[in-house]
N, C-alpha and C. Protein backbone atom coordinates (compact mmCIF):
# COMPACT_ATOMS: atom_id res chain seq x y z
N MET A 1 197.45 65.05 142.37
CA MET A 1 196.29 65.25 141.51
C MET A 1 197.48 64.84 140.41
N SER A 2 196.45 64.26 139.76
CA SER A 2 196.61 63.70 138.51
C SER A 2 196.30 64.25 137.07
N ILE A 3 197.20 64.22 135.69
CA ILE A 3 196.55 65.51 134.96
C ILE A 3 195.89 64.28 133.89
N PRO A 4 194.41 65.16 133.91
CA PRO A 4 193.32 63.94 132.59
C PRO A 4 194.37 63.67 131.57
N ASP A 5 193.78 62.62 131.14
CA ASP A 5 194.11 62.02 129.59
C ASP A 5 193.51 62.50 128.60
N PRO A 6 194.39 63.23 127.62
CA PRO A 6 193.84 64.38 126.82
C PRO A 6 193.10 63.70 125.63
N ASP A 7 192.96 62.31 125.51
CA ASP A 7 191.46 61.81 124.82
C ASP A 7 190.47 61.39 126.13
N ILE A 8 190.64 62.05 126.61
CA ILE A 8 189.15 61.79 127.92
C ILE A 8 188.44 63.19 127.87
N ARG A 9 186.94 63.27 126.92
CA ARG A 9 186.23 64.57 126.72
C ARG A 9 185.28 64.11 128.01
N ILE A 10 184.95 65.38 128.74
CA ILE A 10 183.36 65.33 129.32
C ILE A 10 183.14 66.05 129.24
N ILE A 11 181.50 65.73 128.86
CA ILE A 11 180.25 66.41 128.41
C ILE A 11 179.39 66.75 129.61
N PRO A 12 179.37 67.54 129.89
CA PRO A 12 178.27 68.15 131.33
C PRO A 12 176.82 67.78 131.05
N ASP A 13 176.07 67.37 131.33
CA ASP A 13 174.90 67.58 131.28
C ASP A 13 174.01 66.79 130.36
N LEU A 14 175.00 65.01 129.86
CA LEU A 14 174.63 64.78 128.13
C LEU A 14 173.44 63.95 129.11
N THR A 15 172.81 63.18 128.30
CA THR A 15 170.85 62.15 129.66
C THR A 15 171.51 61.45 128.20
N PHE A 16 171.06 60.09 128.86
CA PHE A 16 171.10 58.54 127.81
C PHE A 16 169.92 58.44 128.22
N ILE A 17 168.93 58.19 126.63
CA ILE A 17 168.15 57.56 127.29
C ILE A 17 167.86 55.75 125.88
N VAL A 18 167.83 55.08 127.29
CA VAL A 18 167.87 53.52 126.83
C VAL A 18 166.57 53.11 126.38
N ALA A 19 166.21 52.82 124.54
CA ALA A 19 164.83 52.55 124.74
C ALA A 19 164.66 50.94 124.56
N ASN A 20 163.50 50.60 125.01
CA ASN A 20 163.20 49.13 125.25
C ASN A 20 162.68 48.33 123.64
N ARG A 21 163.13 47.38 123.81
CA ARG A 21 162.71 46.58 121.82
C ARG A 21 161.39 47.36 121.81
N GLU A 22 160.07 46.85 122.52
CA GLU A 22 159.08 47.76 122.12
C GLU A 22 158.65 48.96 121.63
N ASP A 23 160.14 49.72 121.86
CA ASP A 23 159.91 51.47 121.84
C ASP A 23 160.25 51.48 120.30
N LEU A 24 161.36 50.26 120.06
CA LEU A 24 162.19 50.98 118.58
C LEU A 24 161.74 49.93 117.80
N GLU A 25 160.67 49.36 117.82
CA GLU A 25 159.18 48.60 116.83
C GLU A 25 158.06 49.28 116.56
N LYS A 26 157.92 50.01 117.32
CA LYS A 26 156.87 51.08 117.46
C LYS A 26 157.10 51.61 116.20
N PRO A 27 156.10 52.04 115.16
CA PRO A 27 155.93 53.21 114.08
C PRO A 27 156.24 54.32 114.19
N TYR A 28 157.53 54.55 113.55
CA TYR A 28 158.02 56.08 113.05
C TYR A 28 157.85 56.47 112.07
N ARG A 29 157.11 57.78 111.41
CA ARG A 29 157.40 58.77 110.58
C ARG A 29 158.77 58.94 109.96
N VAL A 30 158.80 58.95 108.98
CA VAL A 30 160.22 59.04 108.29
C VAL A 30 159.35 60.98 107.60
N ILE A 31 160.09 61.95 107.64
CA ILE A 31 159.58 63.37 107.25
C ILE A 31 161.15 63.36 106.59
N VAL A 32 160.88 63.93 105.73
CA VAL A 32 161.73 64.59 104.65
C VAL A 32 161.75 66.39 104.22
N GLU A 33 162.82 67.37 104.56
CA GLU A 33 162.64 68.84 105.13
C GLU A 33 162.50 69.15 103.40
N ASN A 34 162.53 70.51 102.78
CA ASN A 34 162.73 71.19 101.63
C ASN A 34 163.99 71.67 101.57
N ASP A 35 164.85 72.42 100.80
CA ASP A 35 166.15 73.01 100.74
C ASP A 35 165.90 73.31 99.89
N ASP A 36 166.69 74.55 99.65
CA ASP A 36 166.72 75.11 98.36
C ASP A 36 167.77 74.96 97.48
N VAL A 37 168.09 73.65 98.01
CA VAL A 37 169.98 73.56 97.02
C VAL A 37 169.71 72.03 96.30
N THR A 38 169.09 71.16 96.97
CA THR A 38 168.89 69.88 96.49
C THR A 38 168.41 69.77 94.88
N PRO A 39 168.66 69.34 93.78
CA PRO A 39 167.17 69.36 92.91
C PRO A 39 166.06 68.08 93.27
N MET A 40 165.26 68.72 92.58
CA MET A 40 164.18 67.88 92.37
C MET A 40 163.97 66.72 91.97
N ASP A 41 164.93 66.49 90.55
CA ASP A 41 165.00 65.07 90.63
C ASP A 41 165.76 63.85 91.02
N PHE A 42 166.95 64.49 92.25
CA PHE A 42 167.81 64.08 92.98
C PHE A 42 166.55 63.53 94.18
N VAL A 43 166.02 64.23 95.16
CA VAL A 43 164.85 63.88 95.79
C VAL A 43 164.40 63.06 95.70
N VAL A 44 163.64 62.77 93.77
CA VAL A 44 162.49 62.35 94.21
C VAL A 44 163.53 60.33 93.85
N MET A 45 164.60 60.42 93.25
CA MET A 45 166.10 59.36 92.75
C MET A 45 165.72 58.42 94.27
N VAL A 46 166.16 59.65 95.36
CA VAL A 46 166.18 59.03 96.93
C VAL A 46 164.95 58.35 97.17
N LEU A 47 163.92 59.16 97.04
CA LEU A 47 162.48 58.83 98.14
C LEU A 47 162.30 57.29 96.93
N ARG A 48 162.70 57.20 95.93
CA ARG A 48 162.41 55.57 95.36
C ARG A 48 163.65 54.78 95.71
N LEU A 49 164.26 55.02 95.48
CA LEU A 49 165.43 54.22 95.72
C LEU A 49 165.88 53.68 97.38
N PHE A 50 165.49 54.55 98.03
CA PHE A 50 165.86 54.13 99.64
C PHE A 50 164.51 53.41 100.14
N PHE A 51 163.23 54.32 99.77
CA PHE A 51 161.58 54.25 100.65
C PHE A 51 160.93 53.34 99.93
N GLY A 52 161.12 53.09 99.10
CA GLY A 52 160.39 52.44 97.80
C GLY A 52 159.62 52.83 97.23
N LEU A 53 159.55 54.25 97.01
CA LEU A 53 158.33 55.04 97.07
C LEU A 53 158.30 54.90 94.83
N ALA A 54 157.12 54.48 94.68
CA ALA A 54 156.70 54.65 93.05
C ALA A 54 156.70 55.82 92.82
N LEU A 55 157.09 56.27 91.14
CA LEU A 55 157.39 57.37 90.92
C LEU A 55 156.57 58.77 91.03
N ASN A 56 155.17 58.52 91.19
CA ASN A 56 154.40 59.14 91.11
C ASN A 56 154.35 59.33 92.36
N ASP A 57 154.38 58.50 93.41
CA ASP A 57 154.43 58.95 94.99
C ASP A 57 155.62 60.02 94.98
N ALA A 58 156.28 59.15 94.61
CA ALA A 58 158.29 60.21 95.04
C ALA A 58 157.89 61.77 94.58
N MET A 59 157.02 61.92 93.18
CA MET A 59 156.61 63.15 92.82
C MET A 59 155.96 63.90 93.70
N GLN A 60 154.87 63.75 94.12
CA GLN A 60 154.07 64.09 95.03
C GLN A 60 154.51 64.11 96.47
N VAL A 61 155.15 63.20 97.04
CA VAL A 61 156.27 63.63 98.02
C VAL A 61 157.17 64.70 98.49
N MET A 62 157.86 64.62 97.14
CA MET A 62 158.57 65.89 96.86
C MET A 62 158.10 67.26 96.70
N LEU A 63 156.82 67.50 96.06
CA LEU A 63 155.99 68.75 95.44
C LEU A 63 155.78 69.47 96.86
N THR A 64 155.03 67.78 97.92
CA THR A 64 154.62 68.53 99.38
C THR A 64 155.38 69.53 100.12
N ALA A 65 156.96 68.63 99.70
CA ALA A 65 157.99 69.40 100.68
C ALA A 65 158.35 70.33 100.10
N HIS A 66 158.82 70.42 99.05
CA HIS A 66 158.81 72.05 98.23
C HIS A 66 157.93 73.17 98.48
N HIS A 67 156.38 72.56 98.77
CA HIS A 67 155.96 73.61 98.72
C HIS A 67 155.41 73.93 100.21
N GLN A 68 155.36 73.08 101.22
CA GLN A 68 154.65 73.29 102.41
C GLN A 68 156.07 73.07 103.49
N GLY A 69 157.55 73.02 103.07
CA GLY A 69 158.46 72.82 104.08
C GLY A 69 158.93 71.30 104.18
N ARG A 70 158.01 70.64 104.74
CA ARG A 70 158.15 69.35 104.91
C ARG A 70 157.12 68.04 104.38
N ALA A 71 157.76 67.20 104.16
CA ALA A 71 156.58 66.12 103.39
C ALA A 71 156.76 64.80 104.27
N LEU A 72 155.28 63.92 104.82
CA LEU A 72 155.81 62.85 105.47
C LEU A 72 156.21 61.81 104.24
N VAL A 73 157.17 60.71 103.75
CA VAL A 73 157.51 59.82 102.79
C VAL A 73 156.89 58.70 103.16
N THR A 74 156.76 57.74 104.72
CA THR A 74 156.40 56.71 104.74
C THR A 74 156.97 56.56 106.02
N THR A 75 155.96 55.47 106.96
CA THR A 75 156.32 55.04 108.18
C THR A 75 155.83 53.40 108.15
N MET A 76 157.36 53.18 109.26
CA MET A 76 157.70 52.14 109.72
C MET A 76 158.24 51.86 110.78
N PRO A 77 158.98 50.72 111.09
CA PRO A 77 159.78 50.84 112.48
C PRO A 77 161.32 51.44 112.84
N PHE A 78 161.23 52.08 113.99
CA PHE A 78 162.27 52.81 113.97
C PHE A 78 163.88 52.36 113.25
N GLU A 79 164.29 50.66 114.06
CA GLU A 79 165.42 50.21 113.25
C GLU A 79 165.45 50.30 111.75
N GLU A 80 164.58 50.32 111.47
CA GLU A 80 164.59 49.99 109.57
C GLU A 80 164.36 51.73 108.76
N ALA A 81 163.52 52.68 109.52
CA ALA A 81 163.69 54.03 109.09
C ALA A 81 165.17 54.65 109.68
N LYS A 82 165.97 54.82 110.61
CA LYS A 82 166.74 54.89 110.67
C LYS A 82 167.71 54.70 109.73
N GLU A 83 167.95 53.33 110.05
CA GLU A 83 168.55 52.87 108.62
C GLU A 83 168.95 53.66 107.13
N ARG A 84 166.85 53.68 107.09
CA ARG A 84 166.99 54.27 105.47
C ARG A 84 167.53 55.74 105.18
N VAL A 85 167.34 56.20 106.51
CA VAL A 85 167.77 57.86 106.50
C VAL A 85 168.76 57.51 106.78
N TYR A 86 170.09 57.30 107.66
CA TYR A 86 171.36 57.53 107.19
C TYR A 86 171.88 56.86 105.78
N SER A 87 171.22 56.10 105.03
CA SER A 87 171.42 55.46 103.48
C SER A 87 171.50 56.74 102.78
N ALA A 88 170.12 57.40 102.90
CA ALA A 88 169.76 58.49 102.01
C ALA A 88 170.24 59.31 102.19
N HIS A 89 170.68 59.71 103.70
CA HIS A 89 171.90 61.43 104.03
C HIS A 89 172.60 61.20 103.80
N THR A 90 173.82 59.73 103.67
CA THR A 90 175.15 59.56 103.16
C THR A 90 175.52 60.02 101.66
N VAL A 91 173.96 59.14 100.31
CA VAL A 91 174.30 59.23 99.68
C VAL A 91 173.70 60.74 98.99
N ALA A 92 173.21 61.49 100.08
CA ALA A 92 173.32 63.16 99.33
C ALA A 92 174.63 63.93 99.81
N ARG A 93 175.00 63.44 101.20
CA ARG A 93 175.83 63.98 101.19
C ARG A 93 177.42 63.94 99.93
N GLU A 94 177.72 62.61 100.15
CA GLU A 94 178.34 62.52 98.76
C GLU A 94 178.00 63.29 97.82
N GLU A 95 176.95 63.53 97.27
CA GLU A 95 176.62 64.60 95.97
C GLU A 95 176.81 65.65 96.40
N GLY A 96 176.82 66.09 97.35
CA GLY A 96 176.97 67.51 98.55
C GLY A 96 175.88 68.04 98.21
N TYR A 97 174.93 67.39 98.52
CA TYR A 97 173.43 68.28 99.12
C TYR A 97 172.91 67.93 99.77
N PRO A 98 172.14 69.01 100.88
CA PRO A 98 172.06 69.02 101.80
C PRO A 98 170.57 68.74 102.64
N LEU A 99 169.93 67.08 101.56
CA LEU A 99 168.99 66.69 101.03
C LEU A 99 168.91 65.99 102.91
N THR A 100 167.61 66.91 103.66
CA THR A 100 167.29 65.98 104.84
C THR A 100 166.47 64.70 105.79
N PHE A 101 166.29 64.30 106.28
CA PHE A 101 164.98 63.11 106.56
C PHE A 101 164.95 63.30 108.30
N TYR A 102 164.38 63.35 108.97
CA TYR A 102 163.78 62.97 110.72
C TYR A 102 163.10 62.42 110.87
N LEU A 103 162.92 61.59 111.75
CA LEU A 103 162.11 60.47 112.44
C LEU A 103 160.98 60.91 113.35
N GLU A 104 160.13 61.12 113.13
CA GLU A 104 158.86 61.40 114.96
C GLU A 104 158.71 60.06 114.80
N PRO A 105 158.03 59.73 116.27
CA PRO A 105 157.16 58.82 116.96
C PRO A 105 155.45 59.24 116.06
N ASP A 106 155.31 58.09 115.30
CA ASP A 106 153.41 57.87 114.76
C ASP A 106 152.82 57.71 116.31
N ASN A 107 152.42 58.56 117.18
CA ASN A 107 151.21 58.40 118.06
C ASN A 107 149.85 57.90 117.74
């Protein structure tokens, strides 16, 4: 019996789903979640910088999330949405904020 390599980790019950190109090009909704830490002006800045919203639209999305717990930011192809969410999360974490976005299929 051999000793397992300490750098190999076994993860039971892990399922990988491979998406095809057609699925990745389908539109996905980008949703922003409210939190009690991230300043409103920071949220507006992120919405404008990473999702291209005009000032009034960014303010409306931020206020909707603030009052309803979440808000639709935009709809775009999966790969583009994923990259923008990653960038927004990176900047938020660098500033110490838990600002969170997630994706859901636009059925």
